[in-house]
Amino acid sequence: MIPFLTILILLACVILAFFILVQNPKGGGLSGTFGSMSSAVMGVKQSADVMEKGTWVMIGAIGGLCIISVMFFSKPAGMDNSPNKATQKTTAPAKKGK
């Protein structure tokens, strides 16, 4: 199951890269957001953009698949963290006298 989820995560990453690279640069970044309010005055709706919605969907899919994939991992051998094992004392076997 882990290889299948890994392939799905990698596929979602490729699709996410496609969505990010295809988007038109809106310009300004943080300086444009705080520097001028022209985009709000002109009535540009960025939330209706299909590419932006696809980006958020792919981010959510990658996050969800990563969280789900953790459930299928098993603990390595010898990694038992039970509280009883930590409090038990180990004793050496008794030596036989000659």
PDB file of N, CA and C in Angstrom:
ATOM      1  N   MET A   1       0.818  -1.195   0.000  1.00  0.00           N
ATOM      2  CA  MET A   1       0.000   0.000   0.000  1.00  0.00           C
ATOM      3  C   MET A   1       0.866   1.264   0.000  1.00  0.00           C
ATOM      4  N   ILE A   2       2.027   1.174   0.647  1.00  0.00           N
ATOM      5  CA  ILE A   2       2.910   2.342   0.713  1.00  0.00           C
ATOM      6  C   ILE A   2       3.426   2.729  -0.673  1.00  0.00           C
ATOM      7  N   PRO A   3       3.833   1.772  -1.524  1.00  0.00           N
ATOM      8  CA  PRO A   3       4.265   2.183  -2.870  1.00  0.00           C
ATOM      9  C   PRO A   3       3.147   2.861  -3.676  1.00  0.00           C
ATOM     10  N   PHE A   4       1.930   2.379  -3.526  1.00  0.00           N
ATOM     11  CA  PHE A   4       0.787   2.988  -4.224  1.00  0.00           C
ATOM     12  C   PHE A   4       0.576   4.430  -3.759  1.00  0.00           C
ATOM     13  N   LEU A   5       0.620   4.668  -2.452  1.00  0.00           N
ATOM     14  CA  LEU A   5       0.456   6.024  -1.939  1.00  0.00           C
ATOM     15  C   LEU A   5       1.620   6.921  -2.343  1.00  0.00           C
ATOM     16  N   THR A   6       2.819   6.350  -2.402  1.00  0.00           N
ATOM     17  CA  THR A   6       3.985   7.127  -2.823  1.00  0.00           C
ATOM     18  C   THR A   6       3.835   7.568  -4.273  1.00  0.00           C
ATOM     19  N   ILE A   7       3.342   6.693  -5.119  1.00  0.00           N
ATOM     20  CA  ILE A   7       3.117   7.049  -6.524  1.00  0.00           C
ATOM     21  C   ILE A   7       2.050   8.134  -6.628  1.00  0.00           C
ATOM     22  N   LEU A   8       0.983   8.023  -5.841  1.00  0.00           N
ATOM     23  CA  LEU A   8      -0.054   9.053  -5.855  1.00  0.00           C
ATOM     24  C   LEU A   8       0.487  10.407  -5.391  1.00  0.00           C
ATOM     25  N   ILE A   9       1.329  10.406  -4.367  1.00  0.00           N
ATOM     26  CA  ILE A   9       1.913  11.648  -3.868  1.00  0.00           C
ATOM     27  C   ILE A   9       2.814  12.276  -4.932  1.00  0.00           C
ATOM     28  N   LEU A  10       3.636  11.456  -5.586  1.00  0.00           N
ATOM     29  CA  LEU A  10       4.514  11.976  -6.634  1.00  0.00           C
ATOM     30  C   LEU A  10       3.714  12.514  -7.824  1.00  0.00           C
ATOM     31  N   LEU A  11       2.647  11.835  -8.189  1.00  0.00           N
ATOM     32  CA  LEU A  11       1.788  12.306  -9.270  1.00  0.00           C
ATOM     33  C   LEU A  11       1.129  13.637  -8.904  1.00  0.00           C
ATOM     34  N   ALA A  12       0.660  13.750  -7.673  1.00  0.00           N
ATOM     35  CA  ALA A  12       0.058  15.007  -7.220  1.00  0.00           C
ATOM     36  C   ALA A  12       1.090  16.133  -7.206  1.00  0.00           C
ATOM     37  N   CYS A  13       2.343  15.819  -6.874  1.00  0.00           N
ATOM     38  CA  CYS A  13       3.409  16.832  -6.896  1.00  0.00           C
ATOM     39  C   CYS A  13       3.670  17.327  -8.308  1.00  0.00           C
ATOM     40  N   VAL A  14       3.657  16.419  -9.280  1.00  0.00           N
ATOM     41  CA  VAL A  14       3.870  16.817 -10.678  1.00  0.00           C
ATOM     42  C   VAL A  14       2.715  17.694 -11.159  1.00  0.00           C
ATOM     43  N   ILE A  15       1.500  17.317 -10.818  1.00  0.00           N
ATOM     44  CA  ILE A  15       0.335  18.119 -11.209  1.00  0.00           C
ATOM     45  C   ILE A  15       0.381  19.484 -10.528  1.00  0.00           C
ATOM     46  N   LEU A  16       0.790  19.522  -9.261  1.00  0.00           N
ATOM     47  CA  LEU A  16       0.925  20.800  -8.550  1.00  0.00           C
ATOM     48  C   LEU A  16       1.958  21.689  -9.229  1.00  0.00           C
ATOM     49  N   ALA A  17       3.088  21.104  -9.639  1.00  0.00           N
ATOM     50  CA  ALA A  17       4.111  21.881 -10.343  1.00  0.00           C
ATOM     51  C   ALA A  17       3.550  22.431 -11.659  1.00  0.00           C
ATOM     52  N   PHE A  18       2.745  21.637 -12.348  1.00  0.00           N
ATOM     53  CA  PHE A  18       2.113  22.101 -13.578  1.00  0.00           C
ATOM     54  C   PHE A  18       1.210  23.300 -13.302  1.00  0.00           C
ATOM     55  N   PHE A  19       0.359  23.207 -12.293  1.00  0.00           N
ATOM     56  CA  PHE A  19      -0.540  24.312 -11.969  1.00  0.00           C
ATOM     57  C   PHE A  19       0.234  25.583 -11.614  1.00  0.00           C
ATOM     58  N   ILE A  20       1.319  25.423 -10.885  1.00  0.00           N
ATOM     59  CA  ILE A  20       2.091  26.595 -10.472  1.00  0.00           C
ATOM     60  C   ILE A  20       2.801  27.224 -11.672  1.00  0.00           C
ATOM     61  N   LEU A  21       3.369  26.414 -12.536  1.00  0.00           N
ATOM     62  CA  LEU A  21       4.119  26.956 -13.663  1.00  0.00           C
ATOM     63  C   LEU A  21       3.236  27.548 -14.750  1.00  0.00           C
ATOM     64  N   VAL A  22       1.999  27.085 -14.872  1.00  0.00           N
ATOM     65  CA  VAL A  22       1.109  27.576 -15.913  1.00  0.00           C
ATOM     66  C   VAL A  22       0.462  28.913 -15.529  1.00  0.00           C
ATOM     67  N   GLN A  23       0.361  29.196 -14.253  1.00  0.00           N
ATOM     68  CA  GLN A  23      -0.316  30.419 -13.820  1.00  0.00           C
ATOM     69  C   GLN A  23       0.381  31.662 -14.360  1.00  0.00           C
ATOM     70  N   ASN A  24      -0.416  32.642 -14.725  1.00  0.00           N
ATOM     71  CA  ASN A  24       0.126  33.930 -15.136  1.00  0.00           C
ATOM     72  C   ASN A  24       0.597  34.682 -13.908  1.00  0.00           C
ATOM     73  N   PRO A  25       1.773  35.280 -13.984  1.00  0.00           N
ATOM     74  CA  PRO A  25       2.216  36.056 -12.830  1.00  0.00           C
ATOM     75  C   PRO A  25       1.330  37.291 -12.665  1.00  0.00           C
ATOM     76  N   LYS A  26       0.807  37.462 -11.500  1.00  0.00           N
ATOM     77  CA  LYS A  26      -0.077  38.593 -11.236  1.00  0.00           C
ATOM     78  C   LYS A  26       0.731  39.853 -10.933  1.00  0.00           C
ATOM     79  N   GLY A  27       2.010  39.673 -10.588  1.00  0.00           N
ATOM     80  CA  GLY A  27       2.890  40.813 -10.348  1.00  0.00           C
ATOM     81  C   GLY A  27       2.700  41.383  -8.967  1.00  0.00           C
ATOM     82  N   GLY A  28       3.740  41.965  -8.449  1.00  0.00           N
ATOM     83  CA  GLY A  28       3.640  42.675  -7.188  1.00  0.00           C
ATOM     84  C   GLY A  28       4.015  41.848  -5.991  1.00  0.00           C
ATOM     85  N   GLY A  29       3.531  40.633  -5.889  1.00  0.00           N
ATOM     86  CA  GLY A  29       3.785  39.839  -4.689  1.00  0.00           C
ATOM     87  C   GLY A  29       3.272  40.548  -3.456  1.00  0.00           C
ATOM     88  N   LEU A  30       4.044  40.513  -2.379  1.00  0.00           N
ATOM     89  CA  LEU A  30       3.629  41.177  -1.150  1.00  0.00           C
ATOM     90  C   LEU A  30       3.664  42.693  -1.296  1.00  0.00           C
ATOM     91  N   SER A  31       4.616  43.214  -2.058  1.00  0.00           N
ATOM     92  CA  SER A  31       4.688  44.665  -2.217  1.00  0.00           C
ATOM     93  C   SER A  31       3.480  45.179  -2.981  1.00  0.00           C
ATOM     94  N   GLY A  32       2.997  44.418  -3.949  1.00  0.00           N
ATOM     95  CA  GLY A  32       1.807  44.827  -4.683  1.00  0.00           C
ATOM     96  C   GLY A  32       0.553  44.724  -3.837  1.00  0.00           C
ATOM     97  N   THR A  33       0.538  43.781  -2.935  1.00  0.00           N
ATOM     98  CA  THR A  33      -0.634  43.614  -2.081  1.00  0.00           C
ATOM     99  C   THR A  33      -0.753  44.762  -1.099  1.00  0.00           C
ATOM    100  N   PHE A  34       0.362  45.138  -0.487  1.00  0.00           N
ATOM    101  CA  PHE A  34       0.312  46.188   0.521  1.00  0.00           C
ATOM    102  C   PHE A  34       0.548  47.577  -0.067  1.00  0.00           C
ATOM    103  N   GLY A  35       1.184  47.641  -1.234  1.00  0.00           N
ATOM    104  CA  GLY A  35       1.537  48.932  -1.807  1.00  0.00           C
ATOM    105  C   GLY A  35       0.383  49.628  -2.489  1.00  0.00           C
ATOM    106  N   SER A  36      -0.439  48.886  -3.201  1.00  0.00           N
ATOM    107  CA  SER A  36      -1.543  49.525  -3.915  1.00  0.00           C
ATOM    108  C   SER A  36      -2.773  48.631  -3.846  1.00  0.00           C
ATOM    109  N   MET A  37      -3.895  49.258  -3.975  1.00  0.00           N
ATOM    110  CA  MET A  37      -5.151  48.513  -3.922  1.00  0.00           C
ATOM    111  C   MET A  37      -5.819  48.520  -5.296  1.00  0.00           C
ATOM    112  N   SER A  38      -5.045  48.661  -6.371  1.00  0.00           N
ATOM    113  CA  SER A  38      -5.621  48.772  -7.707  1.00  0.00           C
ATOM    114  C   SER A  38      -6.353  47.506  -8.128  1.00  0.00           C
ATOM    115  N   SER A  39      -5.860  46.348  -7.736  1.00  0.00           N
ATOM    116  CA  SER A  39      -6.540  45.117  -8.136  1.00  0.00           C
ATOM    117  C   SER A  39      -7.905  44.988  -7.466  1.00  0.00           C
ATOM    118  N   ALA A  40      -8.029  45.482  -6.237  1.00  0.00           N
ATOM    119  CA  ALA A  40      -9.321  45.433  -5.563  1.00  0.00           C
ATOM    120  C   ALA A  40     -10.289  46.445  -6.174  1.00  0.00           C
ATOM    121  N   VAL A  41      -9.780  47.582  -6.614  1.00  0.00           N
ATOM    122  CA  VAL A  41     -10.624  48.613  -7.207  1.00  0.00           C
ATOM    123  C   VAL A  41     -11.107  48.176  -8.575  1.00  0.00           C
ATOM    124  N   MET A  42     -10.264  47.505  -9.341  1.00  0.00           N
ATOM    125  CA  MET A  42     -10.614  47.088 -10.690  1.00  0.00           C
ATOM    126  C   MET A  42     -11.546  45.873 -10.682  1.00  0.00           C
ATOM    127  N   GLY A  43     -11.697  45.231  -9.554  1.00  0.00           N
ATOM    128  CA  GLY A  43     -12.639  44.133  -9.443  1.00  0.00           C
ATOM    129  C   GLY A  43     -12.091  42.792  -9.899  1.00  0.00           C
ATOM    130  N   VAL A  44     -10.801  42.568  -9.784  1.00  0.00           N
ATOM    131  CA  VAL A  44     -10.210  41.298 -10.182  1.00  0.00           C
ATOM    132  C   VAL A  44     -10.478  40.282  -9.080  1.00  0.00           C
ATOM    133  N   LYS A  45     -11.043  39.144  -9.470  1.00  0.00           N
ATOM    134  CA  LYS A  45     -11.319  38.084  -8.503  1.00  0.00           C
ATOM    135  C   LYS A  45     -10.288  36.980  -8.707  1.00  0.00           C
ATOM    136  N   GLN A  46      -9.358  36.855  -7.796  1.00  0.00           N
ATOM    137  CA  GLN A  46      -8.352  35.817  -7.922  1.00  0.00           C
ATOM    138  C   GLN A  46      -8.884  34.462  -7.459  1.00  0.00           C
ATOM    139  N   SER A  47      -9.884  34.458  -6.587  1.00  0.00           N
ATOM    140  CA  SER A  47     -10.376  33.186  -6.053  1.00  0.00           C
ATOM    141  C   SER A  47     -11.133  32.384  -7.098  1.00  0.00           C
ATOM    142  N   ALA A  48     -11.620  33.026  -8.153  1.00  0.00           N
ATOM    143  CA  ALA A  48     -12.372  32.315  -9.183  1.00  0.00           C
ATOM    144  C   ALA A  48     -11.459  31.683 -10.223  1.00  0.00           C
ATOM    145  N   ASP A  49     -10.179  31.919 -10.138  1.00  0.00           N
ATOM    146  CA  ASP A  49      -9.239  31.379 -11.105  1.00  0.00           C
ATOM    147  C   ASP A  49      -9.133  29.869 -10.947  1.00  0.00           C
ATOM    148  N   VAL A  50      -9.298  29.156 -12.029  1.00  0.00           N
ATOM    149  CA  VAL A  50      -9.269  27.692 -11.993  1.00  0.00           C
ATOM    150  C   VAL A  50      -7.897  27.178 -11.580  1.00  0.00           C
ATOM    151  N   MET A  51      -6.855  27.835 -12.064  1.00  0.00           N
ATOM    152  CA  MET A  51      -5.504  27.385 -11.728  1.00  0.00           C
ATOM    153  C   MET A  51      -5.222  27.534 -10.241  1.00  0.00           C
ATOM    154  N   GLU A  52      -5.709  28.603  -9.649  1.00  0.00           N
ATOM    155  CA  GLU A  52      -5.488  28.788  -8.209  1.00  0.00           C
ATOM    156  C   GLU A  52      -6.252  27.743  -7.407  1.00  0.00           C
ATOM    157  N   LYS A  53      -7.461  27.452  -7.821  1.00  0.00           N
ATOM    158  CA  LYS A  53      -8.229  26.410  -7.133  1.00  0.00           C
ATOM    159  C   LYS A  53      -7.560  25.050  -7.285  1.00  0.00           C
ATOM    160  N   GLY A  54      -7.034  24.785  -8.479  1.00  0.00           N
ATOM    161  CA  GLY A  54      -6.317  23.529  -8.694  1.00  0.00           C
ATOM    162  C   GLY A  54      -5.087  23.425  -7.822  1.00  0.00           C
ATOM    163  N   THR A  55      -4.397  24.557  -7.632  1.00  0.00           N
ATOM    164  CA  THR A  55      -3.225  24.570  -6.766  1.00  0.00           C
ATOM    165  C   THR A  55      -3.597  24.200  -5.338  1.00  0.00           C
ATOM    166  N   TRP A  56      -4.647  24.800  -4.824  1.00  0.00           N
ATOM    167  CA  TRP A  56      -5.069  24.518  -3.446  1.00  0.00           C
ATOM    168  C   TRP A  56      -5.574  23.089  -3.289  1.00  0.00           C
ATOM    169  N   VAL A  57      -6.258  22.580  -4.309  1.00  0.00           N
ATOM    170  CA  VAL A  57      -6.744  21.194  -4.242  1.00  0.00           C
ATOM    171  C   VAL A  57      -5.562  20.223  -4.207  1.00  0.00           C
ATOM    172  N   MET A  58      -4.549  20.489  -5.035  1.00  0.00           N
ATOM    173  CA  MET A  58      -3.379  19.606  -5.058  1.00  0.00           C
ATOM    174  C   MET A  58      -2.587  19.683  -3.751  1.00  0.00           C
ATOM    175  N   ILE A  59      -2.487  20.872  -3.170  1.00  0.00           N
ATOM    176  CA  ILE A  59      -1.812  21.001  -1.875  1.00  0.00           C
ATOM    177  C   ILE A  59      -2.557  20.194  -0.812  1.00  0.00           C
ATOM    178  N   GLY A  60      -3.872  20.288  -0.821  1.00  0.00           N
ATOM    179  CA  GLY A  60      -4.676  19.516   0.131  1.00  0.00           C
ATOM    180  C   GLY A  60      -4.557  18.018  -0.099  1.00  0.00           C
ATOM    181  N   ALA A  61      -4.516  17.620  -1.372  1.00  0.00           N
ATOM    182  CA  ALA A  61      -4.389  16.192  -1.691  1.00  0.00           C
ATOM    183  C   ALA A  61      -3.041  15.653  -1.230  1.00  0.00           C
ATOM    184  N   ILE A  62      -1.978  16.413  -1.462  1.00  0.00           N
ATOM    185  CA  ILE A  62      -0.657  15.969  -1.025  1.00  0.00           C
ATOM    186  C   ILE A  62      -0.604  15.866   0.497  1.00  0.00           C
ATOM    187  N   GLY A  63      -1.137  16.864   1.187  1.00  0.00           N
ATOM    188  CA  GLY A  63      -1.151  16.824   2.648  1.00  0.00           C
ATOM    189  C   GLY A  63      -1.958  15.651   3.177  1.00  0.00           C
ATOM    190  N   GLY A  64      -3.127  15.422   2.600  1.00  0.00           N
ATOM    191  CA  GLY A  64      -3.970  14.311   3.033  1.00  0.00           C
ATOM    192  C   GLY A  64      -3.329  12.958   2.769  1.00  0.00           C
ATOM    193  N   LEU A  65      -2.723  12.801   1.586  1.00  0.00           N
ATOM    194  CA  LEU A  65      -2.062  11.534   1.271  1.00  0.00           C
ATOM    195  C   LEU A  65      -0.868  11.284   2.186  1.00  0.00           C
ATOM    196  N   CYS A  66      -0.140  12.336   2.540  1.00  0.00           N
ATOM    197  CA  CYS A  66       0.994  12.158   3.457  1.00  0.00           C
ATOM    198  C   CYS A  66       0.523  11.728   4.840  1.00  0.00           C
ATOM    199  N   ILE A  67      -0.566  12.310   5.310  1.00  0.00           N
ATOM    200  CA  ILE A  67      -1.098  11.935   6.625  1.00  0.00           C
ATOM    201  C   ILE A  67      -1.635  10.501   6.593  1.00  0.00           C
ATOM    202  N   ILE A  68      -2.316  10.140   5.510  1.00  0.00           N
ATOM    203  CA  ILE A  68      -2.861   8.783   5.395  1.00  0.00           C
ATOM    204  C   ILE A  68      -1.733   7.753   5.295  1.00  0.00           C
ATOM    205  N   SER A  69      -0.657   8.101   4.601  1.00  0.00           N
ATOM    206  CA  SER A  69       0.423   7.130   4.411  1.00  0.00           C
ATOM    207  C   SER A  69       1.118   6.758   5.721  1.00  0.00           C
ATOM    208  N   VAL A  70       1.076   7.645   6.710  1.00  0.00           N
ATOM    209  CA  VAL A  70       1.708   7.357   7.999  1.00  0.00           C
ATOM    210  C   VAL A  70       1.016   6.175   8.687  1.00  0.00           C
ATOM    211  N   MET A  71      -0.252   5.996   8.439  1.00  0.00           N
ATOM    212  CA  MET A  71      -0.993   4.907   9.082  1.00  0.00           C
ATOM    213  C   MET A  71      -0.528   3.531   8.618  1.00  0.00           C
ATOM    214  N   PHE A  72       0.115   3.447   7.467  1.00  0.00           N
ATOM    215  CA  PHE A  72       0.507   2.158   6.919  1.00  0.00           C
ATOM    216  C   PHE A  72       1.947   1.778   7.236  1.00  0.00           C
ATOM    217  N   PHE A  73       2.684   2.644   7.899  1.00  0.00           N
ATOM    218  CA  PHE A  73       4.054   2.300   8.294  1.00  0.00           C
ATOM    219  C   PHE A  73       4.007   1.445   9.546  1.00  0.00           C
ATOM    220  N   SER A  74       4.939   0.503   9.661  1.00  0.00           N
ATOM    221  CA  SER A  74       5.008  -0.335  10.851  1.00  0.00           C
ATOM    222  C   SER A  74       6.248   0.039  11.648  1.00  0.00           C
ATOM    223  N   LYS A  75       6.208  -0.280  12.943  1.00  0.00           N
ATOM    224  CA  LYS A  75       7.350   0.027  13.805  1.00  0.00           C
ATOM    225  C   LYS A  75       8.498  -0.922  13.478  1.00  0.00           C
ATOM    226  N   PRO A  76       9.716  -0.418  13.501  1.00  0.00           N
ATOM    227  CA  PRO A  76      10.866  -1.309  13.297  1.00  0.00           C
ATOM    228  C   PRO A  76      10.976  -2.305  14.453  1.00  0.00           C
ATOM    229  N   ALA A  77      11.581  -3.442  14.194  1.00  0.00           N
ATOM    230  CA  ALA A  77      11.747  -4.467  15.228  1.00  0.00           C
ATOM    231  C   ALA A  77      12.607  -3.924  16.357  1.00  0.00           C
ATOM    232  N   GLY A  78      12.205  -4.186  17.574  1.00  0.00           N
ATOM    233  CA  GLY A  78      12.959  -3.744  18.744  1.00  0.00           C
ATOM    234  C   GLY A  78      12.614  -2.338  19.193  1.00  0.00           C
ATOM    235  N   MET A  79      11.587  -1.745  18.630  1.00  0.00           N
ATOM    236  CA  MET A  79      11.203  -0.384  19.007  1.00  0.00           C
ATOM    237  C   MET A  79       9.922  -0.393  19.839  1.00  0.00           C
ATOM    238  N   ASP A  80       9.846  -1.308  20.800  1.00  0.00           N
ATOM    239  CA  ASP A  80       8.670  -1.395  21.665  1.00  0.00           C
ATOM    240  C   ASP A  80       8.816  -0.371  22.776  1.00  0.00           C
ATOM    241  N   ASN A  81       7.904   0.568  22.860  1.00  0.00           N
ATOM    242  CA  ASN A  81       7.969   1.636  23.859  1.00  0.00           C
ATOM    243  C   ASN A  81       6.959   1.430  24.984  1.00  0.00           C
ATOM    244  N   SER A  82       6.701   0.184  25.334  1.00  0.00           N
ATOM    245  CA  SER A  82       5.724  -0.053  26.395  1.00  0.00           C
ATOM    246  C   SER A  82       6.311   0.356  27.746  1.00  0.00           C
ATOM    247  N   PRO A  83       5.481   0.933  28.629  1.00  0.00           N
ATOM    248  CA  PRO A  83       6.001   1.382  29.921  1.00  0.00           C
ATOM    249  C   PRO A  83       6.455   0.241  30.816  1.00  0.00           C
ATOM    250  N   ASN A  84       5.864  -0.950  30.675  1.00  0.00           N
ATOM    251  CA  ASN A  84       6.252  -2.083  31.516  1.00  0.00           C
ATOM    252  C   ASN A  84       7.671  -2.551  31.210  1.00  0.00           C
ATOM    253  N   LYS A  85       8.050  -2.482  29.958  1.00  0.00           N
ATOM    254  CA  LYS A  85       9.373  -2.945  29.578  1.00  0.00           C
ATOM    255  C   LYS A  85      10.460  -2.032  30.152  1.00  0.00           C
ATOM    256  N   ALA A  86      10.184  -0.754  30.270  1.00  0.00           N
ATOM    257  CA  ALA A  86      11.178   0.189  30.781  1.00  0.00           C
ATOM    258  C   ALA A  86      11.411   0.006  32.278  1.00  0.00           C
ATOM    259  N   THR A  87      10.406  -0.448  33.009  1.00  0.00           N
ATOM    260  CA  THR A  87      10.540  -0.585  34.456  1.00  0.00           C
ATOM    261  C   THR A  87      11.044  -1.961  34.878  1.00  0.00           C
ATOM    262  N   GLN A  88      11.023  -2.930  33.959  1.00  0.00           N
ATOM    263  CA  GLN A  88      11.486  -4.271  34.317  1.00  0.00           C
ATOM    264  C   GLN A  88      13.004  -4.293  34.402  1.00  0.00           C
ATOM    265  N   LYS A  89      13.492  -5.045  35.384  1.00  0.00           N
ATOM    266  CA  LYS A  89      14.934  -5.202  35.536  1.00  0.00           C
ATOM    267  C   LYS A  89      15.347  -6.488  34.845  1.00  0.00           C
ATOM    268  N   THR A  90      16.446  -6.403  34.156  1.00  0.00           N
ATOM    269  CA  THR A  90      16.963  -7.612  33.538  1.00  0.00           C
ATOM    270  C   THR A  90      18.066  -8.161  34.407  1.00  0.00           C
ATOM    271  N   THR A  91      18.054  -9.480  34.572  1.00  0.00           N
ATOM    272  CA  THR A  91      19.073 -10.121  35.386  1.00  0.00           C
ATOM    273  C   THR A  91      19.841 -11.106  34.536  1.00  0.00           C
ATOM    274  N   ALA A  92      21.089 -11.266  34.873  1.00  0.00           N
ATOM    275  CA  ALA A  92      21.935 -12.221  34.160  1.00  0.00           C
ATOM    276  C   ALA A  92      21.588 -13.619  34.634  1.00  0.00           C
ATOM    277  N   PRO A  93      21.737 -14.601  33.773  1.00  0.00           N
ATOM    278  CA  PRO A  93      21.452 -15.973  34.198  1.00  0.00           C
ATOM    279  C   PRO A  93      22.468 -16.418  35.255  1.00  0.00           C
ATOM    280  N   ALA A  94      22.003 -17.286  36.148  1.00  0.00           N
ATOM    281  CA  ALA A  94      22.862 -17.768  37.229  1.00  0.00           C
ATOM    282  C   ALA A  94      24.003 -18.600  36.677  1.00  0.00           C
ATOM    283  N   LYS A  95      25.190 -18.420  37.262  1.00  0.00           N
ATOM    284  CA  LYS A  95      26.353 -19.184  36.812  1.00  0.00           C
ATOM    285  C   LYS A  95      26.372 -20.522  37.535  1.00  0.00           C
ATOM    286  N   LYS A  96      26.725 -21.525  36.784  1.00  0.00           N
ATOM    287  CA  LYS A  96      26.833 -22.862  37.379  1.00  0.00           C
ATOM    288  C   LYS A  96      28.228 -23.025  37.955  1.00  0.00           C
ATOM    289  N   GLY A  97      28.275 -23.454  39.182  1.00  0.00           N
ATOM    290  CA  GLY A  97      29.566 -23.655  39.834  1.00  0.00           C
ATOM    291  C   GLY A  97      30.160 -25.013  39.490  1.00  0.00           C
ATOM    292  N   LYS A  98      31.491 -25.137  39.567  1.00  0.00           N
ATOM    293  CA  LYS A  98      32.156 -26.422  39.295  1.00  0.00           C
ATOM    294  C   LYS A  98      32.369 -27.182  40.531  1.00  0.00           C
TER     295      LYS A  98
END
